[in-house]
Amino acid sequence: FTHDVNISNSKLNGYIDMSDVDIAGSL
């Protein structure tokens, strides 16, 4: 991700996989 990533206030009954990501902006 060369810019911002927003996953705030989300609800998942399953899983969230953010492994091995690269973020240039804010998370």
mmCIF file of all heavy atoms, coordinates in Angstrom:
data_MODEL
# 
_entry.id   MODEL 
# 
loop_
_atom_site.group_PDB 
_atom_site.id 
_atom_site.type_symbol 
_atom_site.label_atom_id 
_atom_site.label_alt_id 
_atom_site.label_comp_id 
_atom_site.label_asym_id 
_atom_site.label_entity_id 
_atom_site.label_seq_id 
_atom_site.pdbx_PDB_ins_code 
_atom_site.Cartn_x 
_atom_site.Cartn_y 
_atom_site.Cartn_z 
_atom_site.occupancy 
_atom_site.B_iso_or_equiv 
_atom_site.pdbx_formal_charge 
_atom_site.auth_seq_id 
_atom_site.auth_comp_id 
_atom_site.auth_asym_id 
_atom_site.auth_atom_id 
_atom_site.pdbx_PDB_model_num 
ATOM 1   N N   . PHE A 1 1  ? 0.855   -1.182  0.000  1.00 0.00 ? 1  PHE A N   1 
ATOM 2   C CA  . PHE A 1 1  ? 0.000   0.000   0.000  1.00 0.00 ? 1  PHE A CA  1 
ATOM 3   C C   . PHE A 1 1  ? 0.893   1.234   0.000  1.00 0.00 ? 1  PHE A C   1 
ATOM 4   O O   . PHE A 1 1  ? 1.610   1.495   0.968  1.00 0.00 ? 1  PHE A O   1 
ATOM 5   C CB  . PHE A 1 1  ? -0.906  -0.014  1.233  1.00 0.00 ? 1  PHE A CB  1 
ATOM 6   C CG  . PHE A 1 1  ? -1.721  -1.272  1.373  1.00 0.00 ? 1  PHE A CG  1 
ATOM 7   C CD1 . PHE A 1 1  ? -1.199  -2.376  2.038  1.00 0.00 ? 1  PHE A CD1 1 
ATOM 8   C CD2 . PHE A 1 1  ? -2.983  -1.369  0.818  1.00 0.00 ? 1  PHE A CD2 1 
ATOM 9   C CE1 . PHE A 1 1  ? -1.934  -3.549  2.165  1.00 0.00 ? 1  PHE A CE1 1 
ATOM 10  C CE2 . PHE A 1 1  ? -3.725  -2.533  0.928  1.00 0.00 ? 1  PHE A CE2 1 
ATOM 11  C CZ  . PHE A 1 1  ? -3.192  -3.626  1.601  1.00 0.00 ? 1  PHE A CZ  1 
ATOM 12  N N   . THR A 1 2  ? 0.842   1.991   -1.081 1.00 0.00 ? 2  THR A N   1 
ATOM 13  C CA  . THR A 1 2  ? 1.696   3.169   -1.187 1.00 0.00 ? 2  THR A CA  1 
ATOM 14  C C   . THR A 1 2  ? 1.078   4.397   -0.525 1.00 0.00 ? 2  THR A C   1 
ATOM 15  O O   . THR A 1 2  ? 1.737   5.432   -0.415 1.00 0.00 ? 2  THR A O   1 
ATOM 16  C CB  . THR A 1 2  ? 1.991   3.497   -2.662 1.00 0.00 ? 2  THR A CB  1 
ATOM 17  O OG1 . THR A 1 2  ? 0.765   3.831   -3.334 1.00 0.00 ? 2  THR A OG1 1 
ATOM 18  C CG2 . THR A 1 2  ? 2.637   2.307   -3.367 1.00 0.00 ? 2  THR A CG2 1 
ATOM 19  N N   . HIS A 1 3  ? -0.178  4.274   -0.088 1.00 0.00 ? 3  HIS A N   1 
ATOM 20  C CA  . HIS A 1 3  ? -0.851  5.374   0.592  1.00 0.00 ? 3  HIS A CA  1 
ATOM 21  C C   . HIS A 1 3  ? -1.501  4.848   1.880  1.00 0.00 ? 3  HIS A C   1 
ATOM 22  O O   . HIS A 1 3  ? -1.053  3.849   2.428  1.00 0.00 ? 3  HIS A O   1 
ATOM 23  C CB  . HIS A 1 3  ? -1.873  6.033   -0.337 1.00 0.00 ? 3  HIS A CB  1 
ATOM 24  C CG  . HIS A 1 3  ? -1.259  6.802   -1.460 1.00 0.00 ? 3  HIS A CG  1 
ATOM 25  N ND1 . HIS A 1 3  ? -0.636  6.188   -2.527 1.00 0.00 ? 3  HIS A ND1 1 
ATOM 26  C CD2 . HIS A 1 3  ? -1.158  8.139   -1.686 1.00 0.00 ? 3  HIS A CD2 1 
ATOM 27  C CE1 . HIS A 1 3  ? -0.173  7.106   -3.368 1.00 0.00 ? 3  HIS A CE1 1 
ATOM 28  N NE2 . HIS A 1 3  ? -0.473  8.294   -2.869 1.00 0.00 ? 3  HIS A NE2 1 
ATOM 29  N N   . ASP A 1 4  ? -2.550  5.495   2.346  1.00 0.00 ? 4  ASP A N   1 
ATOM 30  C CA  . ASP A 1 4  ? -3.143  5.183   3.643  1.00 0.00 ? 4  ASP A CA  1 
ATOM 31  C C   . ASP A 1 4  ? -4.069  3.972   3.593  1.00 0.00 ? 4  ASP A C   1 
ATOM 32  O O   . ASP A 1 4  ? -4.719  3.701   2.577  1.00 0.00 ? 4  ASP A O   1 
ATOM 33  C CB  . ASP A 1 4  ? -3.935  6.390   4.157  1.00 0.00 ? 4  ASP A CB  1 
ATOM 34  C CG  . ASP A 1 4  ? -3.046  7.606   4.398  1.00 0.00 ? 4  ASP A CG  1 
ATOM 35  O OD1 . ASP A 1 4  ? -1.818  7.415   4.516  1.00 0.00 ? 4  ASP A OD1 1 
ATOM 36  O OD2 . ASP A 1 4  ? -3.589  8.723   4.459  1.00 0.00 ? 4  ASP A OD2 1 
ATOM 37  N N   . VAL A 1 5  ? -4.147  3.266   4.740  1.00 0.00 ? 5  VAL A N   1 
ATOM 38  C CA  . VAL A 1 5  ? -5.023  2.115   4.912  1.00 0.00 ? 5  VAL A CA  1 
ATOM 39  C C   . VAL A 1 5  ? -5.928  2.382   6.116  1.00 0.00 ? 5  VAL A C   1 
ATOM 40  O O   . VAL A 1 5  ? -5.443  2.657   7.220  1.00 0.00 ? 5  VAL A O   1 
ATOM 41  C CB  . VAL A 1 5  ? -4.226  0.820   5.149  1.00 0.00 ? 5  VAL A CB  1 
ATOM 42  C CG1 . VAL A 1 5  ? -5.169  -0.357  5.395  1.00 0.00 ? 5  VAL A CG1 1 
ATOM 43  C CG2 . VAL A 1 5  ? -3.310  0.539   3.970  1.00 0.00 ? 5  VAL A CG2 1 
ATOM 44  N N   . ASN A 1 6  ? -7.239  2.293   5.908  1.00 0.00 ? 6  ASN A N   1 
ATOM 45  C CA  . ASN A 1 6  ? -8.196  2.530   6.992  1.00 0.00 ? 6  ASN A CA  1 
ATOM 46  C C   . ASN A 1 6  ? -9.109  1.312   7.121  1.00 0.00 ? 6  ASN A C   1 
ATOM 47  O O   . ASN A 1 6  ? -9.894  1.012   6.223  1.00 0.00 ? 6  ASN A O   1 
ATOM 48  C CB  . ASN A 1 6  ? -9.023  3.782   6.700  1.00 0.00 ? 6  ASN A CB  1 
ATOM 49  C CG  . ASN A 1 6  ? -9.919  4.167   7.873  1.00 0.00 ? 6  ASN A CG  1 
ATOM 50  O OD1 . ASN A 1 6  ? -9.993  3.457   8.880  1.00 0.00 ? 6  ASN A OD1 1 
ATOM 51  N ND2 . ASN A 1 6  ? -10.604 5.293   7.747  1.00 0.00 ? 6  ASN A ND2 1 
ATOM 52  N N   . ILE A 1 7  ? -8.973  0.593   8.246  1.00 0.00 ? 7  ILE A N   1 
ATOM 53  C CA  . ILE A 1 7  ? -9.854  -0.549  8.523  1.00 0.00 ? 7  ILE A CA  1 
ATOM 54  C C   . ILE A 1 7  ? -10.506 -0.370  9.892  1.00 0.00 ? 7  ILE A C   1 
ATOM 55  O O   . ILE A 1 7  ? -10.878 -1.342  10.556 1.00 0.00 ? 7  ILE A O   1 
ATOM 56  C CB  . ILE A 1 7  ? -9.086  -1.881  8.457  1.00 0.00 ? 7  ILE A CB  1 
ATOM 57  C CG1 . ILE A 1 7  ? -7.824  -1.823  9.323  1.00 0.00 ? 7  ILE A CG1 1 
ATOM 58  C CG2 . ILE A 1 7  ? -8.744  -2.254  7.037  1.00 0.00 ? 7  ILE A CG2 1 
ATOM 59  C CD1 . ILE A 1 7  ? -7.071  -3.136  9.367  1.00 0.00 ? 7  ILE A CD1 1 
ATOM 60  N N   . SER A 1 8  ? -10.670 0.859   10.305 1.00 0.00 ? 8  SER A N   1 
ATOM 61  C CA  . SER A 1 8  ? -11.185 1.159   11.637 1.00 0.00 ? 8  SER A CA  1 
ATOM 62  C C   . SER A 1 8  ? -12.680 0.883   11.742 1.00 0.00 ? 8  SER A C   1 
ATOM 63  O O   . SER A 1 8  ? -13.423 0.936   10.754 1.00 0.00 ? 8  SER A O   1 
ATOM 64  C CB  . SER A 1 8  ? -10.918 2.629   11.979 1.00 0.00 ? 8  SER A CB  1 
ATOM 65  O OG  . SER A 1 8  ? -11.611 3.486   11.076 1.00 0.00 ? 8  SER A OG  1 
ATOM 66  N N   . ASN A 1 9  ? -13.113 0.546   12.955 1.00 0.00 ? 9  ASN A N   1 
ATOM 67  C CA  . ASN A 1 9  ? -14.530 0.386   13.290 1.00 0.00 ? 9  ASN A CA  1 
ATOM 68  C C   . ASN A 1 9  ? -15.234 -0.716  12.496 1.00 0.00 ? 9  ASN A C   1 
ATOM 69  O O   . ASN A 1 9  ? -16.461 -0.712  12.391 1.00 0.00 ? 9  ASN A O   1 
ATOM 70  C CB  . ASN A 1 9  ? -15.284 1.703   13.095 1.00 0.00 ? 9  ASN A CB  1 
ATOM 71  C CG  . ASN A 1 9  ? -14.789 2.786   14.021 1.00 0.00 ? 9  ASN A CG  1 
ATOM 72  O OD1 . ASN A 1 9  ? -14.905 2.683   15.237 1.00 0.00 ? 9  ASN A OD1 1 
ATOM 73  N ND2 . ASN A 1 9  ? -14.197 3.834   13.447 1.00 0.00 ? 9  ASN A ND2 1 
ATOM 74  N N   . SER A 1 10 ? -14.471 -1.633  11.933 1.00 0.00 ? 10 SER A N   1 
ATOM 75  C CA  . SER A 1 10 ? -15.069 -2.740  11.196 1.00 0.00 ? 10 SER A CA  1 
ATOM 76  C C   . SER A 1 10 ? -15.234 -3.949  12.112 1.00 0.00 ? 10 SER A C   1 
ATOM 77  O O   . SER A 1 10 ? -14.468 -4.137  13.064 1.00 0.00 ? 10 SER A O   1 
ATOM 78  C CB  . SER A 1 10 ? -14.219 -3.105  9.978  1.00 0.00 ? 10 SER A CB  1 
ATOM 79  O OG  . SER A 1 10 ? -14.298 -2.092  8.997  1.00 0.00 ? 10 SER A OG  1 
ATOM 80  N N   . LYS A 1 11 ? -16.224 -4.781  11.813 1.00 0.00 ? 11 LYS A N   1 
ATOM 81  C CA  . LYS A 1 11 ? -16.492 -5.983  12.602 1.00 0.00 ? 11 LYS A CA  1 
ATOM 82  C C   . LYS A 1 11 ? -16.644 -7.180  11.659 1.00 0.00 ? 11 LYS A C   1 
ATOM 83  O O   . LYS A 1 11 ? -17.486 -7.155  10.768 1.00 0.00 ? 11 LYS A O   1 
ATOM 84  C CB  . LYS A 1 11 ? -17.753 -5.812  13.441 1.00 0.00 ? 11 LYS A CB  1 
ATOM 85  C CG  . LYS A 1 11 ? -17.643 -4.727  14.503 1.00 0.00 ? 11 LYS A CG  1 
ATOM 86  C CD  . LYS A 1 11 ? -18.911 -4.611  15.331 1.00 0.00 ? 11 LYS A CD  1 
ATOM 87  C CE  . LYS A 1 11 ? -18.778 -3.508  16.377 1.00 0.00 ? 11 LYS A CE  1 
ATOM 88  N NZ  . LYS A 1 11 ? -20.020 -3.376  17.187 1.00 0.00 ? 11 LYS A NZ  1 
ATOM 89  N N   . LEU A 1 12 ? -15.817 -8.189  11.887 1.00 0.00 ? 12 LEU A N   1 
ATOM 90  C CA  . LEU A 1 12 ? -15.818 -9.383  11.045 1.00 0.00 ? 12 LEU A CA  1 
ATOM 91  C C   . LEU A 1 12 ? -16.090 -10.611 11.902 1.00 0.00 ? 12 LEU A C   1 
ATOM 92  O O   . LEU A 1 12 ? -15.465 -10.795 12.948 1.00 0.00 ? 12 LEU A O   1 
ATOM 93  C CB  . LEU A 1 12 ? -14.472 -9.566  10.340 1.00 0.00 ? 12 LEU A CB  1 
ATOM 94  C CG  . LEU A 1 12 ? -14.108 -8.646  9.174  1.00 0.00 ? 12 LEU A CG  1 
ATOM 95  C CD1 . LEU A 1 12 ? -13.833 -7.229  9.648  1.00 0.00 ? 12 LEU A CD1 1 
ATOM 96  C CD2 . LEU A 1 12 ? -12.881 -9.181  8.459  1.00 0.00 ? 12 LEU A CD2 1 
ATOM 97  N N   . ASN A 1 13 ? -16.989 -11.466 11.451 1.00 0.00 ? 13 ASN A N   1 
ATOM 98  C CA  . ASN A 1 13 ? -17.206 -12.728 12.137 1.00 0.00 ? 13 ASN A CA  1 
ATOM 99  C C   . ASN A 1 13 ? -16.098 -13.723 11.821 1.00 0.00 ? 13 ASN A C   1 
ATOM 100 O O   . ASN A 1 13 ? -15.915 -14.697 12.546 1.00 0.00 ? 13 ASN A O   1 
ATOM 101 C CB  . ASN A 1 13 ? -18.558 -13.336 11.741 1.00 0.00 ? 13 ASN A CB  1 
ATOM 102 C CG  . ASN A 1 13 ? -19.721 -12.547 12.314 1.00 0.00 ? 13 ASN A CG  1 
ATOM 103 O OD1 . ASN A 1 13 ? -19.523 -11.613 13.100 1.00 0.00 ? 13 ASN A OD1 1 
ATOM 104 N ND2 . ASN A 1 13 ? -20.930 -12.902 11.927 1.00 0.00 ? 13 ASN A ND2 1 
ATOM 105 N N   . GLY A 1 14 ? -15.387 -13.505 10.735 1.00 0.00 ? 14 GLY A N   1 
ATOM 106 C CA  . GLY A 1 14 ? -14.260 -14.339 10.367 1.00 0.00 ? 14 GLY A CA  1 
ATOM 107 C C   . GLY A 1 14 ? -12.960 -13.690 10.810 1.00 0.00 ? 14 GLY A C   1 
ATOM 108 O O   . GLY A 1 14 ? -12.897 -13.044 11.852 1.00 0.00 ? 14 GLY A O   1 
ATOM 109 N N   . TYR A 1 15 ? -11.914 -13.824 9.997  1.00 0.00 ? 15 TYR A N   1 
ATOM 110 C CA  . TYR A 1 15 ? -10.602 -13.312 10.376 1.00 0.00 ? 15 TYR A CA  1 
ATOM 111 C C   . TYR A 1 15 ? -10.189 -12.147 9.490  1.00 0.00 ? 15 TYR A C   1 
ATOM 112 O O   . TYR A 1 15 ? -10.744 -11.919 8.423  1.00 0.00 ? 15 TYR A O   1 
ATOM 113 C CB  . TYR A 1 15 ? -9.545  -14.420 10.298 1.00 0.00 ? 15 TYR A CB  1 
ATOM 114 C CG  . TYR A 1 15 ? -9.286  -14.938 8.893  1.00 0.00 ? 15 TYR A CG  1 
ATOM 115 C CD1 . TYR A 1 15 ? -8.350  -14.326 8.063  1.00 0.00 ? 15 TYR A CD1 1 
ATOM 116 C CD2 . TYR A 1 15 ? -9.978  -16.046 8.399  1.00 0.00 ? 15 TYR A CD2 1 
ATOM 117 C CE1 . TYR A 1 15 ? -8.112  -14.789 6.780  1.00 0.00 ? 15 TYR A CE1 1 
ATOM 118 C CE2 . TYR A 1 15 ? -9.747  -16.515 7.116  1.00 0.00 ? 15 TYR A CE2 1 
ATOM 119 C CZ  . TYR A 1 15 ? -8.819  -15.886 6.313  1.00 0.00 ? 15 TYR A CZ  1 
ATOM 120 O OH  . TYR A 1 15 ? -8.598  -16.335 5.037  1.00 0.00 ? 15 TYR A OH  1 
ATOM 121 N N   . ILE A 1 16 ? -9.198  -11.407 9.949  1.00 0.00 ? 16 ILE A N   1 
ATOM 122 C CA  . ILE A 1 16 ? -8.552  -10.367 9.158  1.00 0.00 ? 16 ILE A CA  1 
ATOM 123 C C   . ILE A 1 16 ? -7.084  -10.760 9.019  1.00 0.00 ? 16 ILE A C   1 
ATOM 124 O O   . ILE A 1 16 ? -6.410  -11.019 10.013 1.00 0.00 ? 16 ILE A O   1 
ATOM 125 C CB  . ILE A 1 16 ? -8.701  -8.967  9.811  1.00 0.00 ? 16 ILE A CB  1 
ATOM 126 C CG1 . ILE A 1 16 ? -7.931  -7.899  9.019  1.00 0.00 ? 16 ILE A CG1 1 
ATOM 127 C CG2 . ILE A 1 16 ? -8.270  -8.972  11.262 1.00 0.00 ? 16 ILE A CG2 1 
ATOM 128 C CD1 . ILE A 1 16 ? -8.598  -7.485  7.744  1.00 0.00 ? 16 ILE A CD1 1 
ATOM 129 N N   . ASP A 1 17 ? -6.611  -10.847 7.790  1.00 0.00 ? 17 ASP A N   1 
ATOM 130 C CA  . ASP A 1 17 ? -5.224  -11.250 7.544  1.00 0.00 ? 17 ASP A CA  1 
ATOM 131 C C   . ASP A 1 17 ? -4.471  -10.077 6.926  1.00 0.00 ? 17 ASP A C   1 
ATOM 132 O O   . ASP A 1 17 ? -4.686  -9.728  5.765  1.00 0.00 ? 17 ASP A O   1 
ATOM 133 C CB  . ASP A 1 17 ? -5.184  -12.459 6.612  1.00 0.00 ? 17 ASP A CB  1 
ATOM 134 C CG  . ASP A 1 17 ? -3.780  -13.073 6.517  1.00 0.00 ? 17 ASP A CG  1 
ATOM 135 O OD1 . ASP A 1 17 ? -2.814  -12.414 6.955  1.00 0.00 ? 17 ASP A OD1 1 
ATOM 136 O OD2 . ASP A 1 17 ? -3.660  -14.202 6.008  1.00 0.00 ? 17 ASP A OD2 1 
ATOM 137 N N   . MET A 1 18 ? -3.588  -9.479  7.726  1.00 0.00 ? 18 MET A N   1 
ATOM 138 C CA  . MET A 1 18 ? -2.746  -8.377  7.269  1.00 0.00 ? 18 MET A CA  1 
ATOM 139 C C   . MET A 1 18 ? -1.281  -8.782  7.339  1.00 0.00 ? 18 MET A C   1 
ATOM 140 O O   . MET A 1 18 ? -0.396  -7.949  7.514  1.00 0.00 ? 18 MET A O   1 
ATOM 141 C CB  . MET A 1 18 ? -2.984  -7.146  8.137  1.00 0.00 ? 18 MET A CB  1 
ATOM 142 C CG  . MET A 1 18 ? -4.338  -6.499  7.965  1.00 0.00 ? 18 MET A CG  1 
ATOM 143 S SD  . MET A 1 18 ? -4.439  -5.457  6.498  1.00 0.00 ? 18 MET A SD  1 
ATOM 144 C CE  . MET A 1 18 ? -3.386  -4.084  6.981  1.00 0.00 ? 18 MET A CE  1 
ATOM 145 N N   . SER A 1 19 ? -1.003  -10.065 7.220  1.00 0.00 ? 19 SER A N   1 
ATOM 146 C CA  . SER A 1 19 ? 0.371   -10.530 7.343  1.00 0.00 ? 19 SER A CA  1 
ATOM 147 C C   . SER A 1 19 ? 1.171   -10.194 6.088  1.00 0.00 ? 19 SER A C   1 
ATOM 148 O O   . SER A 1 19 ? 0.658   -10.204 4.972  1.00 0.00 ? 19 SER A O   1 
ATOM 149 C CB  . SER A 1 19 ? 0.409   -12.041 7.600  1.00 0.00 ? 19 SER A CB  1 
ATOM 150 O OG  . SER A 1 19 ? -0.242  -12.758 6.564  1.00 0.00 ? 19 SER A OG  1 
ATOM 151 N N   . ASP A 1 20 ? 2.434   -9.854  6.300  1.00 0.00 ? 20 ASP A N   1 
ATOM 152 C CA  . ASP A 1 20 ? 3.382   -9.614  5.215  1.00 0.00 ? 20 ASP A CA  1 
ATOM 153 C C   . ASP A 1 20 ? 3.003   -8.447  4.318  1.00 0.00 ? 20 ASP A C   1 
ATOM 154 O O   . ASP A 1 20 ? 3.372   -8.431  3.142  1.00 0.00 ? 20 ASP A O   1 
ATOM 155 C CB  . ASP A 1 20 ? 3.574   -10.881 4.374  1.00 0.00 ? 20 ASP A CB  1 
ATOM 156 C CG  . ASP A 1 20 ? 4.028   -12.063 5.205  1.00 0.00 ? 20 ASP A CG  1 
ATOM 157 O OD1 . ASP A 1 20 ? 4.901   -11.861 6.074  1.00 0.00 ? 20 ASP A OD1 1 
ATOM 158 O OD2 . ASP A 1 20 ? 3.522   -13.175 5.007  1.00 0.00 ? 20 ASP A OD2 1 
ATOM 159 N N   . VAL A 1 21 ? 2.242   -7.494  4.846  1.00 0.00 ? 21 VAL A N   1 
ATOM 160 C CA  . VAL A 1 21 ? 1.908   -6.316  4.048  1.00 0.00 ? 21 VAL A CA  1 
ATOM 161 C C   . VAL A 1 21 ? 2.987   -5.255  4.225  1.00 0.00 ? 21 VAL A C   1 
ATOM 162 O O   . VAL A 1 21 ? 3.769   -5.290  5.170  1.00 0.00 ? 21 VAL A O   1 
ATOM 163 C CB  . VAL A 1 21 ? 0.529   -5.729  4.424  1.00 0.00 ? 21 VAL A CB  1 
ATOM 164 C CG1 . VAL A 1 21 ? -0.563  -6.767  4.257  1.00 0.00 ? 21 VAL A CG1 1 
ATOM 165 C CG2 . VAL A 1 21 ? 0.544   -5.160  5.831  1.00 0.00 ? 21 VAL A CG2 1 
ATOM 166 N N   . ASP A 1 22 ? 3.023   -4.302  3.302  1.00 0.00 ? 22 ASP A N   1 
ATOM 167 C CA  . ASP A 1 22 ? 3.943   -3.175  3.371  1.00 0.00 ? 22 ASP A CA  1 
ATOM 168 C C   . ASP A 1 22 ? 3.124   -1.902  3.180  1.00 0.00 ? 22 ASP A C   1 
ATOM 169 O O   . ASP A 1 22 ? 2.418   -1.769  2.173  1.00 0.00 ? 22 ASP A O   1 
ATOM 170 C CB  . ASP A 1 22 ? 5.021   -3.291  2.296  1.00 0.00 ? 22 ASP A CB  1 
ATOM 171 C CG  . ASP A 1 22 ? 6.141   -2.283  2.509  1.00 0.00 ? 22 ASP A CG  1 
ATOM 172 O OD1 . ASP A 1 22 ? 5.940   -1.098  2.208  1.00 0.00 ? 22 ASP A OD1 1 
ATOM 173 O OD2 . ASP A 1 22 ? 7.207   -2.694  2.975  1.00 0.00 ? 22 ASP A OD2 1 
ATOM 174 N N   . ILE A 1 23 ? 3.197   -0.997  4.148  1.00 0.00 ? 23 ILE A N   1 
ATOM 175 C CA  . ILE A 1 23 ? 2.371   0.204   4.143  1.00 0.00 ? 23 ILE A CA  1 
ATOM 176 C C   . ILE A 1 23 ? 3.263   1.439   4.153  1.00 0.00 ? 23 ILE A C   1 
ATOM 177 O O   . ILE A 1 23 ? 4.032   1.651   5.098  1.00 0.00 ? 23 ILE A O   1 
ATOM 178 C CB  . ILE A 1 23 ? 1.429   0.236   5.359  1.00 0.00 ? 23 ILE A CB  1 
ATOM 179 C CG1 . ILE A 1 23 ? 0.561   -1.027  5.392  1.00 0.00 ? 23 ILE A CG1 1 
ATOM 180 C CG2 . ILE A 1 23 ? 0.557   1.485   5.330  1.00 0.00 ? 23 ILE A CG2 1 
ATOM 181 C CD1 . ILE A 1 23 ? -0.272  -1.168  6.654  1.00 0.00 ? 23 ILE A CD1 1 
ATOM 182 N N   . ALA A 1 24 ? 3.163   2.251   3.108  1.00 0.00 ? 24 ALA A N   1 
ATOM 183 C CA  . ALA A 1 24 ? 3.961   3.474   3.028  1.00 0.00 ? 24 ALA A CA  1 
ATOM 184 C C   . ALA A 1 24 ? 3.279   4.642   3.722  1.00 0.00 ? 24 ALA A C   1 
ATOM 185 O O   . ALA A 1 24 ? 3.934   5.568   4.186  1.00 0.00 ? 24 ALA A O   1 
ATOM 186 C CB  . ALA A 1 24 ? 4.242   3.824   1.572  1.00 0.00 ? 24 ALA A CB  1 
ATOM 187 N N   . GLY A 1 25 ? 1.943   4.605   3.785  1.00 0.00 ? 25 GLY A N   1 
ATOM 188 C CA  . GLY A 1 25 ? 1.203   5.675   4.437  1.00 0.00 ? 25 GLY A CA  1 
ATOM 189 C C   . GLY A 1 25 ? 0.867   5.325   5.867  1.00 0.00 ? 25 GLY A C   1 
ATOM 190 O O   . GLY A 1 25 ? 1.602   4.605   6.542  1.00 0.00 ? 25 GLY A O   1 
ATOM 191 N N   . SER A 1 26 ? -0.265  5.806   6.342  1.00 0.00 ? 26 SER A N   1 
ATOM 192 C CA  . SER A 1 26 ? -0.696  5.545   7.719  1.00 0.00 ? 26 SER A CA  1 
ATOM 193 C C   . SER A 1 26 ? -1.655  4.357   7.759  1.00 0.00 ? 26 SER A C   1 
ATOM 194 O O   . SER A 1 26 ? -2.297  4.016   6.768  1.00 0.00 ? 26 SER A O   1 
ATOM 195 C CB  . SER A 1 26 ? -1.384  6.784   8.303  1.00 0.00 ? 26 SER A CB  1 
ATOM 196 O OG  . SER A 1 26 ? -2.575  7.069   7.577  1.00 0.00 ? 26 SER A OG  1 
ATOM 197 N N   . LEU A 1 27 ? -1.729  3.740   8.931  1.00 0.00 ? 27 LEU A N   1 
ATOM 198 C CA  . LEU A 1 27 ? -2.652  2.619   9.160  1.00 0.00 ? 27 LEU A CA  1 
ATOM 199 C C   . LEU A 1 27 ? -3.575  2.972   10.313 1.00 0.00 ? 27 LEU A C   1 
ATOM 200 O O   . LEU A 1 27 ? -3.117  3.256   11.418 1.00 0.00 ? 27 LEU A O   1 
ATOM 201 C CB  . LEU A 1 27 ? -1.876  1.349   9.492  1.00 0.00 ? 27 LEU A CB  1 
ATOM 202 C CG  . LEU A 1 27 ? -2.704  0.154   9.993  1.00 0.00 ? 27 LEU A CG  1 
ATOM 203 C CD1 . LEU A 1 27 ? -3.676  -0.311  8.916  1.00 0.00 ? 27 LEU A CD1 1 
ATOM 204 C CD2 . LEU A 1 27 ? -1.795  -0.993  10.417 1.00 0.00 ? 27 LEU A CD2 1 
# 
